[in-house]
Amino acid sequence: MKDPIEQDNEPPSGKSPNQPNKPHAHPPFQEPPNPLQRTHTHYRSLIRQQFPTPAGDRRLSSVLTLPTRRPDLSPTPNAARCRPATATSEEPGLYAAAAVDGSPATSWVPSDATAALSVDLGRTVTVASVTPRWTDPRPASYEVDTSADGANWQPLRPGTPARHIRVTVHAPGGERRSGISELTVSTGDGGR
C-alpha cells in the first residue's frame, strides 16, 4: 500500500508530471459506527498545500485529529449529565441540552415567563436530590417533579424512583428570564 502523501503526489493518469494536478474531491467525513465510543474528531484535509518541485507540483495533505470534550464518557454522580433534555420554551442559542452538558459556561434560558425543563435519565433511579445552578436573575419560584413514564408527574420526594425529572421555572418580574446553567440529579445509587 502506498503512503497517502505519495498517492496525492502522483499525477492523474494521462497527465505528464509537469502539468499541475487538478484538485480532487475527498470522501465526506463519516461518523464511526458508535459515536459514543468516539473520543476524537477527525478532520480530513484541513492541512493542504501544493509545492512546486523539479518533477512538477506536489500536493501535501494530512489528517488532523483533535481531542474533543466528552463529559458523557467520564464517570459522574450526576445522573442528568449529557442525558436527553427538552423544554417548553427556549431563547435562541440557549437550548435545553445546555443545562445538562457538563459545562457551567452554557445554559438553558426559556423565552416564556413560566417554562419547564425535562430530562430523561435513561433508566429508573432513586432520586435523592435535584439541584439547579441558576443564571442571573434567580427565579421567583420553581417546582421539581418526577415521573416514571414522562407523562404522569408528581412533586419530588427524596428516595422516590424516577426516570424523568422536570423543573418548572417562574421568572421574576422584568424582561430577563431565569435559566439553568447546570442541572444536577443526585441518586441513592450513585448516578449512572
N, C-alpha and C. Protein backbone atom coordinates (compact mmCIF):
# COMPACT_ATOMS: atom_id res chain seq x y z
N MET A 1 0.84 -1.19 0.00
CA MET A 1 0.00 0.00 0.00
C MET A 1 0.88 1.24 0.00
N LYS A 2 0.52 2.21 -0.79
CA LYS A 2 1.31 3.42 -0.90
C LYS A 2 1.01 4.37 0.24
N ASP A 3 2.00 5.18 0.58
CA ASP A 3 1.83 6.23 1.58
C ASP A 3 0.81 7.24 1.05
N PRO A 4 -0.15 7.73 1.91
CA PRO A 4 -1.17 8.67 1.42
C PRO A 4 -0.57 9.93 0.80
N ILE A 5 0.58 10.38 1.30
CA ILE A 5 1.20 11.58 0.72
C ILE A 5 1.73 11.27 -0.66
N GLU A 6 2.32 10.07 -0.83
CA GLU A 6 2.81 9.70 -2.16
C GLU A 6 1.65 9.56 -3.14
N GLN A 7 0.51 9.03 -2.67
CA GLN A 7 -0.63 8.89 -3.55
C GLN A 7 -1.09 10.26 -4.04
N ASP A 8 -1.11 11.26 -3.16
CA ASP A 8 -1.51 12.60 -3.57
C ASP A 8 -0.50 13.20 -4.55
N ASN A 9 0.77 12.76 -4.49
CA ASN A 9 1.80 13.34 -5.34
C ASN A 9 1.77 12.79 -6.76
N GLU A 10 1.13 11.68 -6.97
CA GLU A 10 1.10 11.10 -8.31
C GLU A 10 0.18 11.91 -9.21
N PRO A 11 0.62 12.21 -10.42
CA PRO A 11 -0.27 12.92 -11.34
C PRO A 11 -1.41 12.01 -11.76
N PRO A 12 -2.56 12.58 -12.08
CA PRO A 12 -3.67 11.75 -12.59
C PRO A 12 -3.25 11.08 -13.89
N SER A 13 -3.86 9.92 -14.18
CA SER A 13 -3.48 9.18 -15.38
C SER A 13 -3.68 10.04 -16.61
N GLY A 14 -2.72 9.91 -17.55
CA GLY A 14 -2.80 10.67 -18.78
C GLY A 14 -2.17 12.06 -18.68
N LYS A 15 -1.66 12.45 -17.54
CA LYS A 15 -1.04 13.77 -17.36
C LYS A 15 0.46 13.59 -17.23
N SER A 16 1.19 14.53 -17.72
CA SER A 16 2.63 14.49 -17.53
C SER A 16 2.95 15.07 -16.16
N PRO A 17 4.10 14.71 -15.56
CA PRO A 17 4.44 15.19 -14.23
C PRO A 17 4.58 16.71 -14.15
N ASN A 18 4.80 17.41 -15.27
CA ASN A 18 4.98 18.86 -15.24
C ASN A 18 3.67 19.64 -15.26
N GLN A 19 2.56 18.96 -15.51
CA GLN A 19 1.27 19.64 -15.51
C GLN A 19 0.73 19.67 -14.08
N PRO A 20 0.17 20.83 -13.69
CA PRO A 20 -0.38 20.87 -12.32
C PRO A 20 -1.56 19.93 -12.17
N ASN A 21 -1.63 19.33 -11.00
CA ASN A 21 -2.75 18.44 -10.69
C ASN A 21 -4.00 19.25 -10.39
N LYS A 22 -5.13 18.79 -10.87
CA LYS A 22 -6.39 19.42 -10.51
C LYS A 22 -6.78 18.91 -9.13
N PRO A 23 -7.38 19.77 -8.34
CA PRO A 23 -7.84 19.29 -7.03
C PRO A 23 -8.86 18.17 -7.22
N HIS A 24 -8.79 17.20 -6.35
CA HIS A 24 -9.76 16.12 -6.42
C HIS A 24 -10.55 16.09 -5.12
N ALA A 25 -11.75 15.56 -5.23
CA ALA A 25 -12.65 15.55 -4.07
C ALA A 25 -12.27 14.40 -3.14
N HIS A 26 -12.35 14.66 -1.84
CA HIS A 26 -12.14 13.63 -0.84
C HIS A 26 -13.51 13.14 -0.38
N PRO A 27 -13.57 11.90 0.06
CA PRO A 27 -14.86 11.41 0.54
C PRO A 27 -15.29 12.22 1.77
N PRO A 28 -16.58 12.40 1.96
CA PRO A 28 -17.04 13.17 3.12
C PRO A 28 -16.72 12.43 4.41
N PHE A 29 -16.61 13.18 5.51
CA PHE A 29 -16.35 12.59 6.81
C PHE A 29 -17.52 11.69 7.19
N GLN A 30 -17.22 10.50 7.69
CA GLN A 30 -18.27 9.59 8.12
C GLN A 30 -18.11 9.32 9.60
N GLU A 31 -19.24 9.33 10.31
CA GLU A 31 -19.23 9.05 11.75
C GLU A 31 -18.81 7.60 11.97
N PRO A 32 -18.12 7.33 13.09
CA PRO A 32 -17.85 5.94 13.43
C PRO A 32 -19.18 5.22 13.70
N PRO A 33 -19.19 3.89 13.67
CA PRO A 33 -20.43 3.16 13.88
C PRO A 33 -21.12 3.51 15.19
N ASN A 34 -20.38 3.70 16.27
CA ASN A 34 -20.96 4.04 17.57
C ASN A 34 -20.36 5.36 18.04
N PRO A 35 -21.07 6.51 17.86
CA PRO A 35 -20.49 7.80 18.22
C PRO A 35 -20.15 7.93 19.70
N LEU A 36 -20.78 7.13 20.57
CA LEU A 36 -20.44 7.23 22.00
C LEU A 36 -19.04 6.71 22.28
N GLN A 37 -18.49 5.90 21.38
CA GLN A 37 -17.14 5.39 21.58
C GLN A 37 -16.08 6.36 21.06
N ARG A 38 -16.51 7.40 20.34
CA ARG A 38 -15.57 8.34 19.72
C ARG A 38 -15.09 9.35 20.76
N THR A 39 -13.78 9.48 20.90
CA THR A 39 -13.24 10.48 21.81
C THR A 39 -12.42 11.52 21.06
N HIS A 40 -12.26 11.35 19.76
CA HIS A 40 -11.53 12.31 18.94
C HIS A 40 -12.34 12.56 17.68
N THR A 41 -12.20 13.72 17.13
CA THR A 41 -12.86 14.06 15.89
C THR A 41 -11.79 14.16 14.80
N HIS A 42 -12.05 13.57 13.65
CA HIS A 42 -11.08 13.61 12.55
C HIS A 42 -11.52 14.63 11.52
N TYR A 43 -10.62 15.48 11.13
CA TYR A 43 -10.88 16.47 10.10
C TYR A 43 -9.93 16.19 8.95
N ARG A 44 -10.47 15.81 7.79
CA ARG A 44 -9.65 15.45 6.65
C ARG A 44 -9.28 16.68 5.85
N SER A 45 -8.02 16.76 5.47
CA SER A 45 -7.52 17.77 4.56
C SER A 45 -7.66 19.19 5.08
N LEU A 46 -7.58 19.37 6.37
CA LEU A 46 -7.52 20.73 6.89
C LEU A 46 -6.17 21.35 6.54
N ILE A 47 -5.18 20.49 6.43
CA ILE A 47 -3.85 20.95 6.03
C ILE A 47 -3.63 20.47 4.61
N ARG A 48 -3.60 21.40 3.66
CA ARG A 48 -3.43 21.03 2.26
C ARG A 48 -2.61 22.15 1.61
N GLN A 49 -1.51 21.77 1.01
CA GLN A 49 -0.63 22.76 0.38
C GLN A 49 -0.04 22.14 -0.87
N GLN A 50 0.12 22.94 -1.91
CA GLN A 50 0.73 22.48 -3.14
C GLN A 50 2.12 23.10 -3.24
N PHE A 51 3.15 22.28 -3.53
CA PHE A 51 4.52 22.74 -3.61
C PHE A 51 5.10 22.45 -4.99
N PRO A 52 5.79 23.44 -5.59
CA PRO A 52 6.45 23.16 -6.88
C PRO A 52 7.74 22.37 -6.63
N THR A 53 7.98 21.36 -7.45
CA THR A 53 9.22 20.58 -7.38
C THR A 53 9.74 20.41 -8.80
N PRO A 54 10.99 19.95 -8.97
CA PRO A 54 11.50 19.72 -10.33
C PRO A 54 10.67 18.72 -11.12
N ALA A 55 10.02 17.79 -10.41
CA ALA A 55 9.21 16.79 -11.11
C ALA A 55 7.78 17.28 -11.34
N GLY A 56 7.45 18.50 -10.94
CA GLY A 56 6.09 19.02 -11.08
C GLY A 56 5.52 19.39 -9.71
N ASP A 57 4.34 19.96 -9.75
CA ASP A 57 3.71 20.35 -8.48
C ASP A 57 3.36 19.10 -7.68
N ARG A 58 3.58 19.17 -6.38
CA ARG A 58 3.24 18.08 -5.46
C ARG A 58 2.29 18.62 -4.40
N ARG A 59 1.34 17.83 -4.07
CA ARG A 59 0.36 18.23 -3.07
C ARG A 59 0.66 17.48 -1.77
N LEU A 60 0.66 18.21 -0.68
CA LEU A 60 0.85 17.63 0.64
C LEU A 60 -0.47 17.78 1.39
N SER A 61 -0.98 16.69 1.88
CA SER A 61 -2.20 16.76 2.67
C SER A 61 -2.03 15.87 3.89
N SER A 62 -2.84 16.12 4.87
CA SER A 62 -2.71 15.40 6.13
C SER A 62 -4.07 15.27 6.79
N VAL A 63 -4.17 14.36 7.73
CA VAL A 63 -5.35 14.22 8.56
C VAL A 63 -5.01 14.76 9.93
N LEU A 64 -5.86 15.62 10.43
CA LEU A 64 -5.66 16.24 11.73
C LEU A 64 -6.63 15.64 12.72
N THR A 65 -6.15 15.22 13.88
CA THR A 65 -7.00 14.66 14.92
C THR A 65 -6.99 15.59 16.12
N LEU A 66 -8.18 16.04 16.51
CA LEU A 66 -8.31 16.94 17.64
C LEU A 66 -9.08 16.26 18.76
N PRO A 67 -8.56 16.30 19.99
CA PRO A 67 -9.36 15.74 21.08
C PRO A 67 -10.59 16.62 21.32
N THR A 68 -11.70 16.00 21.63
CA THR A 68 -12.92 16.73 21.89
C THR A 68 -13.35 16.50 23.34
N ARG A 69 -14.09 17.45 23.86
CA ARG A 69 -14.56 17.36 25.24
C ARG A 69 -15.77 16.45 25.25
N ARG A 70 -15.69 15.34 25.96
CA ARG A 70 -16.78 14.38 26.03
C ARG A 70 -17.10 14.07 27.49
N PRO A 71 -17.83 14.97 28.17
CA PRO A 71 -18.12 14.71 29.59
C PRO A 71 -18.98 13.49 29.80
N ASP A 72 -19.73 13.05 28.78
CA ASP A 72 -20.58 11.88 28.96
C ASP A 72 -19.79 10.59 29.09
N LEU A 73 -18.50 10.61 28.76
CA LEU A 73 -17.68 9.41 28.89
C LEU A 73 -16.96 9.36 30.23
N SER A 74 -17.03 10.42 31.02
CA SER A 74 -16.37 10.46 32.32
C SER A 74 -17.35 10.02 33.40
N PRO A 75 -16.88 9.25 34.40
CA PRO A 75 -17.77 8.87 35.49
C PRO A 75 -18.27 10.12 36.23
N THR A 76 -19.53 10.08 36.66
CA THR A 76 -20.11 11.23 37.35
C THR A 76 -21.21 10.77 38.30
N PRO A 77 -21.37 11.44 39.42
CA PRO A 77 -22.51 11.15 40.29
C PRO A 77 -23.79 11.86 39.81
N ASN A 78 -23.68 12.72 38.77
CA ASN A 78 -24.83 13.46 38.26
C ASN A 78 -25.55 12.61 37.21
N ALA A 79 -26.72 12.08 37.57
CA ALA A 79 -27.48 11.21 36.66
C ALA A 79 -28.05 11.97 35.47
N ALA A 80 -28.11 13.30 35.52
CA ALA A 80 -28.69 14.08 34.42
C ALA A 80 -27.65 14.51 33.39
N ARG A 81 -26.37 14.41 33.69
CA ARG A 81 -25.35 14.94 32.78
C ARG A 81 -25.36 14.20 31.45
N CYS A 82 -25.48 15.00 30.39
CA CYS A 82 -25.46 14.53 29.00
C CYS A 82 -26.62 13.60 28.65
N ARG A 83 -27.71 13.72 29.37
CA ARG A 83 -28.92 12.96 29.07
C ARG A 83 -29.83 13.81 28.18
N PRO A 84 -30.75 13.20 27.45
CA PRO A 84 -31.66 13.97 26.59
C PRO A 84 -32.51 14.94 27.41
N ALA A 85 -32.59 16.18 26.96
CA ALA A 85 -33.36 17.22 27.66
C ALA A 85 -34.25 17.95 26.65
N THR A 86 -35.43 18.32 27.12
CA THR A 86 -36.37 19.10 26.31
C THR A 86 -36.90 20.24 27.17
N ALA A 87 -37.47 21.24 26.52
CA ALA A 87 -38.02 22.38 27.26
C ALA A 87 -39.28 22.86 26.58
N THR A 88 -40.15 23.51 27.36
CA THR A 88 -41.39 24.04 26.80
C THR A 88 -41.13 25.32 26.02
N SER A 89 -40.03 26.02 26.32
CA SER A 89 -39.62 27.18 25.53
C SER A 89 -38.12 27.39 25.72
N GLU A 90 -37.50 28.05 24.73
CA GLU A 90 -36.06 28.28 24.74
C GLU A 90 -35.75 29.61 24.07
N GLU A 91 -34.81 30.36 24.61
CA GLU A 91 -34.27 31.51 23.92
C GLU A 91 -33.36 30.99 22.80
N PRO A 92 -33.25 31.69 21.67
CA PRO A 92 -32.35 31.23 20.61
C PRO A 92 -30.92 31.07 21.13
N GLY A 93 -30.34 29.90 20.88
CA GLY A 93 -28.97 29.61 21.29
C GLY A 93 -28.83 29.17 22.73
N LEU A 94 -29.89 29.19 23.51
CA LEU A 94 -29.84 28.81 24.93
C LEU A 94 -30.78 27.62 25.13
N TYR A 95 -30.38 26.48 24.58
CA TYR A 95 -31.24 25.32 24.46
C TYR A 95 -31.21 24.42 25.68
N ALA A 96 -32.20 23.54 25.79
CA ALA A 96 -32.36 22.65 26.92
C ALA A 96 -31.13 21.77 27.16
N ALA A 97 -30.51 21.28 26.11
CA ALA A 97 -29.35 20.39 26.27
C ALA A 97 -28.19 21.07 27.01
N ALA A 98 -28.13 22.40 26.96
CA ALA A 98 -27.05 23.12 27.64
C ALA A 98 -27.13 23.00 29.16
N ALA A 99 -28.30 22.71 29.69
CA ALA A 99 -28.46 22.58 31.15
C ALA A 99 -27.91 21.26 31.67
N VAL A 100 -27.61 20.32 30.78
CA VAL A 100 -27.11 19.01 31.21
C VAL A 100 -25.83 18.60 30.47
N ASP A 101 -25.13 19.58 29.87
CA ASP A 101 -23.96 19.25 29.05
C ASP A 101 -22.65 19.14 29.82
N GLY A 102 -22.69 19.34 31.12
CA GLY A 102 -21.47 19.22 31.93
C GLY A 102 -20.64 20.49 31.97
N SER A 103 -21.12 21.58 31.38
CA SER A 103 -20.38 22.83 31.36
C SER A 103 -21.21 23.95 31.98
N PRO A 104 -20.71 24.58 33.04
CA PRO A 104 -21.44 25.70 33.62
C PRO A 104 -21.39 26.96 32.74
N ALA A 105 -20.59 26.93 31.68
CA ALA A 105 -20.48 28.08 30.78
C ALA A 105 -21.66 28.18 29.83
N THR A 106 -22.44 27.12 29.69
CA THR A 106 -23.61 27.13 28.81
C THR A 106 -24.87 27.03 29.68
N SER A 107 -26.00 27.47 29.15
CA SER A 107 -27.22 27.41 29.95
C SER A 107 -28.46 27.34 29.09
N TRP A 108 -29.53 26.85 29.70
CA TRP A 108 -30.86 26.89 29.12
C TRP A 108 -31.57 28.09 29.72
N VAL A 109 -32.15 28.91 28.85
CA VAL A 109 -32.95 30.05 29.30
C VAL A 109 -34.25 30.02 28.51
N PRO A 110 -35.40 29.98 29.20
CA PRO A 110 -36.67 29.93 28.50
C PRO A 110 -37.04 31.30 27.93
N SER A 111 -37.85 31.27 26.89
CA SER A 111 -38.34 32.51 26.31
C SER A 111 -39.63 32.97 26.99
N ASP A 112 -40.29 32.08 27.72
CA ASP A 112 -41.54 32.40 28.41
C ASP A 112 -41.28 32.65 29.90
N ALA A 113 -42.17 33.38 30.54
CA ALA A 113 -42.02 33.69 31.96
C ALA A 113 -42.16 32.44 32.82
N THR A 114 -42.97 31.48 32.39
CA THR A 114 -43.08 30.18 33.06
C THR A 114 -42.76 29.11 32.03
N ALA A 115 -41.79 28.26 32.35
CA ALA A 115 -41.36 27.22 31.41
C ALA A 115 -40.83 26.04 32.19
N ALA A 116 -40.76 24.90 31.51
CA ALA A 116 -40.29 23.67 32.15
C ALA A 116 -39.16 23.03 31.34
N LEU A 117 -38.18 22.51 32.09
CA LEU A 117 -37.07 21.74 31.53
C LEU A 117 -37.27 20.30 31.98
N SER A 118 -37.27 19.35 31.03
CA SER A 118 -37.43 17.93 31.36
C SER A 118 -36.21 17.16 30.91
N VAL A 119 -35.79 16.21 31.74
CA VAL A 119 -34.62 15.37 31.44
C VAL A 119 -35.00 13.91 31.59
N ASP A 120 -34.65 13.11 30.58
CA ASP A 120 -34.83 11.65 30.64
C ASP A 120 -33.52 11.07 31.15
N LEU A 121 -33.54 10.45 32.32
CA LEU A 121 -32.32 9.91 32.93
C LEU A 121 -31.86 8.61 32.29
N GLY A 122 -32.67 8.05 31.38
CA GLY A 122 -32.27 6.85 30.66
C GLY A 122 -32.65 5.55 31.35
N ARG A 123 -32.85 5.59 32.64
CA ARG A 123 -33.27 4.42 33.40
C ARG A 123 -33.86 4.91 34.71
N THR A 124 -34.58 4.05 35.38
CA THR A 124 -35.17 4.43 36.66
C THR A 124 -34.09 4.42 37.74
N VAL A 125 -34.00 5.52 38.49
CA VAL A 125 -33.04 5.65 39.58
C VAL A 125 -33.78 6.16 40.82
N THR A 126 -33.16 5.99 41.96
CA THR A 126 -33.71 6.53 43.19
C THR A 126 -33.19 7.96 43.33
N VAL A 127 -34.05 8.94 43.21
CA VAL A 127 -33.64 10.34 43.20
C VAL A 127 -33.49 10.83 44.65
N ALA A 128 -32.29 11.26 44.99
CA ALA A 128 -32.03 11.80 46.33
C ALA A 128 -32.26 13.30 46.35
N SER A 129 -31.78 14.01 45.31
CA SER A 129 -31.97 15.46 45.24
C SER A 129 -31.80 15.95 43.80
N VAL A 130 -32.39 17.11 43.54
CA VAL A 130 -32.26 17.79 42.25
C VAL A 130 -31.82 19.21 42.56
N THR A 131 -30.65 19.59 42.01
CA THR A 131 -30.08 20.91 42.31
C THR A 131 -29.81 21.68 41.02
N PRO A 132 -30.60 22.71 40.74
CA PRO A 132 -30.30 23.56 39.58
C PRO A 132 -29.26 24.62 39.94
N ARG A 133 -28.35 24.90 39.04
CA ARG A 133 -27.44 26.05 39.16
C ARG A 133 -28.05 27.14 38.30
N TRP A 134 -28.47 28.24 38.93
CA TRP A 134 -29.26 29.27 38.25
C TRP A 134 -28.39 30.29 37.55
N THR A 135 -28.92 30.83 36.47
CA THR A 135 -28.34 32.01 35.84
C THR A 135 -28.92 33.23 36.55
N ASP A 136 -28.41 34.42 36.24
CA ASP A 136 -29.00 35.64 36.81
C ASP A 136 -30.08 36.13 35.87
N PRO A 137 -31.21 36.53 36.37
CA PRO A 137 -31.64 36.57 37.77
C PRO A 137 -32.16 35.20 38.21
N ARG A 138 -32.16 34.99 39.51
CA ARG A 138 -32.73 33.76 40.06
C ARG A 138 -34.25 33.79 39.85
N PRO A 139 -34.88 32.62 39.78
CA PRO A 139 -36.33 32.61 39.56
C PRO A 139 -37.10 33.10 40.79
N ALA A 140 -38.32 33.55 40.56
CA ALA A 140 -39.20 33.93 41.67
C ALA A 140 -39.57 32.66 42.44
N SER A 141 -39.79 31.55 41.72
CA SER A 141 -40.07 30.26 42.34
C SER A 141 -39.84 29.16 41.30
N TYR A 142 -39.79 27.94 41.79
CA TYR A 142 -39.67 26.80 40.89
C TYR A 142 -40.19 25.54 41.58
N GLU A 143 -40.57 24.55 40.78
CA GLU A 143 -41.01 23.26 41.29
C GLU A 143 -40.20 22.18 40.59
N VAL A 144 -39.97 21.08 41.31
CA VAL A 144 -39.31 19.91 40.74
C VAL A 144 -40.29 18.74 40.83
N ASP A 145 -40.52 18.09 39.70
CA ASP A 145 -41.42 16.95 39.63
C ASP A 145 -40.65 15.75 39.08
N THR A 146 -41.13 14.56 39.41
CA THR A 146 -40.54 13.32 38.90
C THR A 146 -41.62 12.49 38.22
N SER A 147 -41.17 11.58 37.36
CA SER A 147 -42.11 10.71 36.65
C SER A 147 -41.41 9.41 36.29
N ALA A 148 -42.16 8.34 36.30
CA ALA A 148 -41.63 7.06 35.85
C ALA A 148 -41.76 6.91 34.34
N ASP A 149 -42.77 7.60 33.73
CA ASP A 149 -43.06 7.41 32.32
C ASP A 149 -42.99 8.67 31.46
N GLY A 150 -42.75 9.84 32.08
CA GLY A 150 -42.68 11.09 31.33
C GLY A 150 -44.04 11.70 31.05
N ALA A 151 -45.12 11.07 31.54
CA ALA A 151 -46.47 11.59 31.31
C ALA A 151 -47.17 11.93 32.62
N ASN A 152 -46.99 11.12 33.63
CA ASN A 152 -47.63 11.32 34.93
C ASN A 152 -46.60 11.85 35.92
N TRP A 153 -46.79 13.10 36.36
CA TRP A 153 -45.80 13.79 37.18
C TRP A 153 -46.30 13.94 38.61
N GLN A 154 -45.34 13.89 39.55
CA GLN A 154 -45.64 14.13 40.96
C GLN A 154 -44.49 14.94 41.55
N PRO A 155 -44.76 15.74 42.60
CA PRO A 155 -43.69 16.53 43.22
C PRO A 155 -42.57 15.62 43.73
N LEU A 156 -41.35 16.13 43.65
CA LEU A 156 -40.17 15.37 44.10
C LEU A 156 -40.27 15.06 45.59
N ARG A 157 -40.09 13.79 45.90
CA ARG A 157 -39.90 13.34 47.28
C ARG A 157 -38.61 12.55 47.28
N PRO A 158 -37.59 12.99 48.04
CA PRO A 158 -36.32 12.25 48.05
C PRO A 158 -36.55 10.77 48.35
N GLY A 159 -35.85 9.93 47.59
CA GLY A 159 -35.98 8.48 47.73
C GLY A 159 -36.99 7.87 46.78
N THR A 160 -37.65 8.71 45.97
CA THR A 160 -38.63 8.22 45.01
C THR A 160 -37.93 7.70 43.75
N PRO A 161 -38.30 6.51 43.26
CA PRO A 161 -37.76 6.04 41.99
C PRO A 161 -38.36 6.86 40.84
N ALA A 162 -37.53 7.28 39.90
CA ALA A 162 -38.00 8.06 38.75
C ALA A 162 -37.04 7.90 37.59
N ARG A 163 -37.57 8.08 36.40
CA ARG A 163 -36.74 8.10 35.18
C ARG A 163 -36.68 9.50 34.59
N HIS A 164 -37.71 10.31 34.82
CA HIS A 164 -37.80 11.66 34.25
C HIS A 164 -37.83 12.70 35.36
N ILE A 165 -37.14 13.82 35.12
CA ILE A 165 -37.12 14.95 36.04
C ILE A 165 -37.62 16.16 35.28
N ARG A 166 -38.47 16.97 35.93
CA ARG A 166 -38.96 18.21 35.32
C ARG A 166 -38.79 19.34 36.33
N VAL A 167 -38.17 20.43 35.87
CA VAL A 167 -38.03 21.64 36.69
C VAL A 167 -38.85 22.73 36.01
N THR A 168 -39.86 23.24 36.70
CA THR A 168 -40.70 24.32 36.18
C THR A 168 -40.24 25.62 36.83
N VAL A 169 -39.91 26.60 36.00
CA VAL A 169 -39.32 27.86 36.45
C VAL A 169 -40.33 28.99 36.26
N HIS A 170 -40.48 29.83 37.29
CA HIS A 170 -41.32 31.02 37.22
C HIS A 170 -40.40 32.23 37.34
N ALA A 171 -40.30 33.00 36.28
CA ALA A 171 -39.36 34.13 36.23
C ALA A 171 -39.80 35.25 37.17
N PRO A 172 -38.83 36.01 37.68
CA PRO A 172 -39.18 37.20 38.45
C PRO A 172 -39.73 38.27 37.51
N GLY A 173 -40.28 39.35 38.06
CA GLY A 173 -40.77 40.44 37.21
C GLY A 173 -39.65 41.01 36.36
N GLY A 174 -39.98 41.60 35.25
CA GLY A 174 -38.96 42.16 34.34
C GLY A 174 -38.84 41.34 33.09
N GLU A 175 -37.99 41.80 32.21
CA GLU A 175 -37.83 41.14 30.91
C GLU A 175 -36.88 39.96 30.94
N ARG A 176 -35.90 39.98 31.83
CA ARG A 176 -34.90 38.89 31.86
C ARG A 176 -35.51 37.63 32.46
N ARG A 177 -35.16 36.50 31.87
CA ARG A 177 -35.68 35.20 32.30
C ARG A 177 -34.63 34.47 33.13
N SER A 178 -35.11 33.65 34.06
CA SER A 178 -34.24 32.79 34.86
C SER A 178 -33.94 31.53 34.05
N GLY A 179 -32.69 31.08 34.10
CA GLY A 179 -32.30 29.87 33.39
C GLY A 179 -31.49 28.96 34.28
N ILE A 180 -31.13 27.81 33.72
CA ILE A 180 -30.34 26.81 34.44
C ILE A 180 -29.05 26.58 33.68
N SER A 181 -27.91 26.83 34.34
CA SER A 181 -26.63 26.57 33.68
C SER A 181 -26.20 25.11 33.85
N GLU A 182 -26.63 24.47 34.92
CA GLU A 182 -26.34 23.05 35.10
C GLU A 182 -27.35 22.44 36.05
N LEU A 183 -27.93 21.32 35.66
CA LEU A 183 -28.89 20.62 36.50
C LEU A 183 -28.22 19.36 37.03
N THR A 184 -28.17 19.22 38.34
CA THR A 184 -27.55 18.06 38.97
C THR A 184 -28.64 17.20 39.62
N VAL A 185 -28.66 15.93 39.25
CA VAL A 185 -29.57 14.96 39.85
C VAL A 185 -28.72 13.95 40.61
N SER A 186 -28.81 14.00 41.92
CA SER A 186 -28.09 13.04 42.77
C SER A 186 -29.02 11.88 43.07
N THR A 187 -28.45 10.68 43.05
CA THR A 187 -29.26 9.48 43.24
C THR A 187 -28.79 8.70 44.44
N GLY A 188 -29.67 7.85 44.91
CA GLY A 188 -29.31 6.95 46.01
C GLY A 188 -28.41 5.81 45.56
N ASP A 189 -28.31 5.60 44.23
CA ASP A 189 -27.47 4.51 43.73
C ASP A 189 -26.21 5.03 43.02
N GLY A 190 -25.81 6.28 43.31
CA GLY A 190 -24.54 6.79 42.81
C GLY A 190 -24.53 7.29 41.38
N GLY A 191 -25.66 7.64 40.80
CA GLY A 191 -25.68 8.18 39.43
C GLY A 191 -25.84 7.10 38.41
N ARG A 192 -24.97 7.08 37.39
CA ARG A 192 -25.10 6.13 36.29
C ARG A 192 -24.69 4.75 36.71
